[in-house]
Amino acid sequence: NNKNIFSTNDLGEIKNNELFFKSRKNQMIVSGGENINLLTIQNALFQFQNSLNLIVVACDDLKWGQVPVVVYERNNLNESIENIRNYCKQVLPKFMIPKHFIPVNQIPLLANKKPNYDDINNLIRDIIA
């Protein structure tokens, strides 16, 4: 009987008979055979400069399958991209370092103020293609 099952696309694990939330399934990618949680990258970048208005998303890549990409609002950036990339090299495994950093005037949002992933992905395709 499946009428009480609700698919959330959440990832979790059970420890000591308790369920712990880990992440959303759509925040996980595989890049060159490595599992990458995009929120791990995003959280690391917020540790570097918490005023950054950014989002980390996946982008298809012929060599790696998918790669992490940072889309950020350029007016909130107080550091050079090179400094941010160097920080990523210090705190993240090599396979998690974002391949692209894409500046935008404003991150596209839905009416509920959540990121508009369709618009963000279209923007990335237009720039990287």
Protein backbone atom coordinates (compact mmCIF):
# COMPACT_ATOMS: atom_id res chain seq x y z
CA ASN A 1 0.00 0.00 0.00
CA ASN A 2 1.77 3.17 -1.24
CA LYS A 3 -0.88 5.79 -0.49
CA ASN A 4 1.07 7.11 2.52
CA ILE A 5 4.40 7.47 0.69
CA PHE A 6 5.51 10.94 -0.33
CA SER A 7 8.56 11.29 -2.58
CA THR A 8 10.65 14.28 -1.44
CA ASN A 9 13.96 13.72 -3.27
CA ASP A 10 15.66 14.12 0.11
CA LEU A 11 18.74 12.12 0.96
CA GLY A 12 19.27 10.85 4.46
CA GLU A 13 20.78 8.15 6.54
CA ILE A 14 19.63 6.05 9.44
CA LYS A 15 21.81 5.91 12.54
CA ASN A 16 20.71 4.23 15.74
CA ASN A 17 17.16 3.87 14.36
CA GLU A 18 16.93 7.63 13.68
CA LEU A 19 16.62 9.23 10.25
CA PHE A 20 18.94 12.17 9.56
CA PHE A 21 18.47 14.58 6.65
CA LYS A 22 21.62 15.06 4.56
CA SER A 23 20.67 16.95 1.42
CA ARG A 24 18.35 17.19 -1.53
CA LYS A 25 18.98 14.65 -4.27
CA ASN A 26 19.03 17.43 -6.89
CA GLN A 27 21.97 19.01 -5.03
CA MET A 28 24.14 15.97 -5.73
CA ILE A 29 26.11 15.52 -8.95
CA VAL A 30 28.68 13.06 -10.23
CA SER A 31 31.76 14.66 -11.75
CA GLY A 32 34.45 12.39 -13.14
CA GLY A 33 33.15 9.55 -10.98
CA GLU A 34 33.18 11.64 -7.78
CA ASN A 35 30.00 12.43 -5.85
CA ILE A 36 29.71 16.15 -5.16
CA ASN A 37 27.18 17.83 -2.90
CA LEU A 38 26.74 21.34 -4.32
CA LEU A 39 25.65 22.63 -0.92
CA THR A 40 29.06 21.70 0.51
CA ILE A 41 30.69 24.05 -2.00
CA GLN A 42 28.11 26.76 -1.39
CA ASN A 43 28.58 26.55 2.40
CA ALA A 44 32.35 26.75 2.01
CA LEU A 45 31.98 29.91 -0.08
CA PHE A 46 29.70 31.45 2.55
CA GLN A 47 32.44 30.75 5.13
CA PHE A 48 34.80 32.77 2.97
CA GLN A 49 32.49 35.76 2.60
CA ASN A 50 29.01 35.40 4.07
CA SER A 51 27.72 38.47 2.24
CA LEU A 52 28.15 36.78 -1.12
CA ASN A 53 24.91 36.36 -2.99
CA LEU A 54 25.58 33.21 -4.97
CA ILE A 55 24.33 29.82 -5.95
CA VAL A 56 26.25 26.70 -6.90
CA VAL A 57 24.67 24.66 -9.69
CA ALA A 58 25.62 21.81 -11.99
CA CYS A 59 26.62 22.25 -15.60
CA ASP A 60 26.96 19.45 -18.13
CA ASP A 61 30.56 18.83 -19.19
CA LEU A 62 31.79 16.57 -21.98
CA LYS A 63 34.86 15.42 -20.05
CA TRP A 64 33.55 15.12 -16.47
CA GLY A 65 29.80 14.53 -16.91
CA GLN A 66 28.83 17.48 -14.74
CA VAL A 67 30.85 20.19 -13.02
CA PRO A 68 30.03 22.68 -10.26
CA VAL A 69 29.47 26.27 -11.38
CA VAL A 70 29.15 29.35 -9.19
CA VAL A 71 26.71 32.04 -10.29
CA TYR A 72 27.22 35.18 -8.21
CA GLU A 73 26.00 38.74 -8.08
CA ARG A 74 28.94 40.89 -9.09
CA ASN A 75 27.94 43.89 -6.95
CA ASN A 76 28.33 41.83 -3.73
CA LEU A 77 31.82 40.62 -4.53
CA ASN A 78 34.55 42.16 -2.40
CA GLU A 79 37.21 39.66 -3.45
CA SER A 80 38.73 38.71 -6.76
CA ILE A 81 37.63 35.44 -8.33
CA GLU A 82 41.25 34.31 -8.12
CA ASN A 83 41.20 34.80 -4.31
CA ILE A 84 37.95 32.85 -4.08
CA ARG A 85 39.34 30.08 -6.29
CA ASN A 86 42.48 29.91 -4.10
CA TYR A 87 40.30 29.67 -1.00
CA CYS A 88 38.38 26.80 -2.61
CA LYS A 89 41.68 25.03 -3.27
CA GLN A 90 42.52 25.30 0.44
CA VAL A 91 39.22 24.02 1.84
CA LEU A 92 37.73 21.73 -0.81
CA PRO A 93 38.97 18.58 -2.50
CA LYS A 94 40.29 19.23 -6.00
CA PHE A 95 37.28 17.60 -7.68
CA MET A 96 34.91 20.00 -5.86
CA ILE A 97 36.53 23.24 -6.99
CA PRO A 98 34.03 25.07 -9.22
CA LYS A 99 34.99 25.02 -12.88
CA HIS A 100 33.30 28.32 -13.72
CA PHE A 101 32.44 31.51 -11.86
CA ILE A 102 29.72 33.43 -13.67
CA PRO A 103 28.89 37.01 -12.69
CA VAL A 104 25.33 38.28 -13.03
CA ASN A 105 23.64 41.52 -12.05
CA GLN A 106 20.99 39.60 -10.15
CA ILE A 107 20.40 35.91 -9.53
CA PRO A 108 17.06 34.98 -11.13
CA LEU A 109 14.41 34.29 -8.50
CA LEU A 110 10.91 32.89 -8.49
CA ALA A 111 7.99 34.82 -7.00
CA ASN A 112 8.64 33.06 -3.66
CA LYS A 113 12.25 34.40 -3.68
CA LYS A 114 13.79 30.96 -4.28
CA PRO A 115 16.34 30.56 -7.09
CA ASN A 116 14.84 30.08 -10.55
CA TYR A 117 16.94 27.10 -11.62
CA ASP A 118 15.49 27.05 -15.14
CA ASP A 119 16.58 30.66 -15.78
CA ILE A 120 19.95 30.06 -14.10
CA ASN A 121 20.60 26.97 -16.23
CA ASN A 122 19.61 28.85 -19.41
CA LEU A 123 21.96 31.67 -18.47
CA ILE A 124 24.83 29.23 -17.90
CA ARG A 125 24.16 27.50 -21.22
CA ASP A 126 24.23 30.83 -23.04
CA ILE A 127 27.53 31.87 -21.45
CA ILE A 128 29.44 28.58 -21.44
CA ALA A 129 28.19 27.17 -24.76
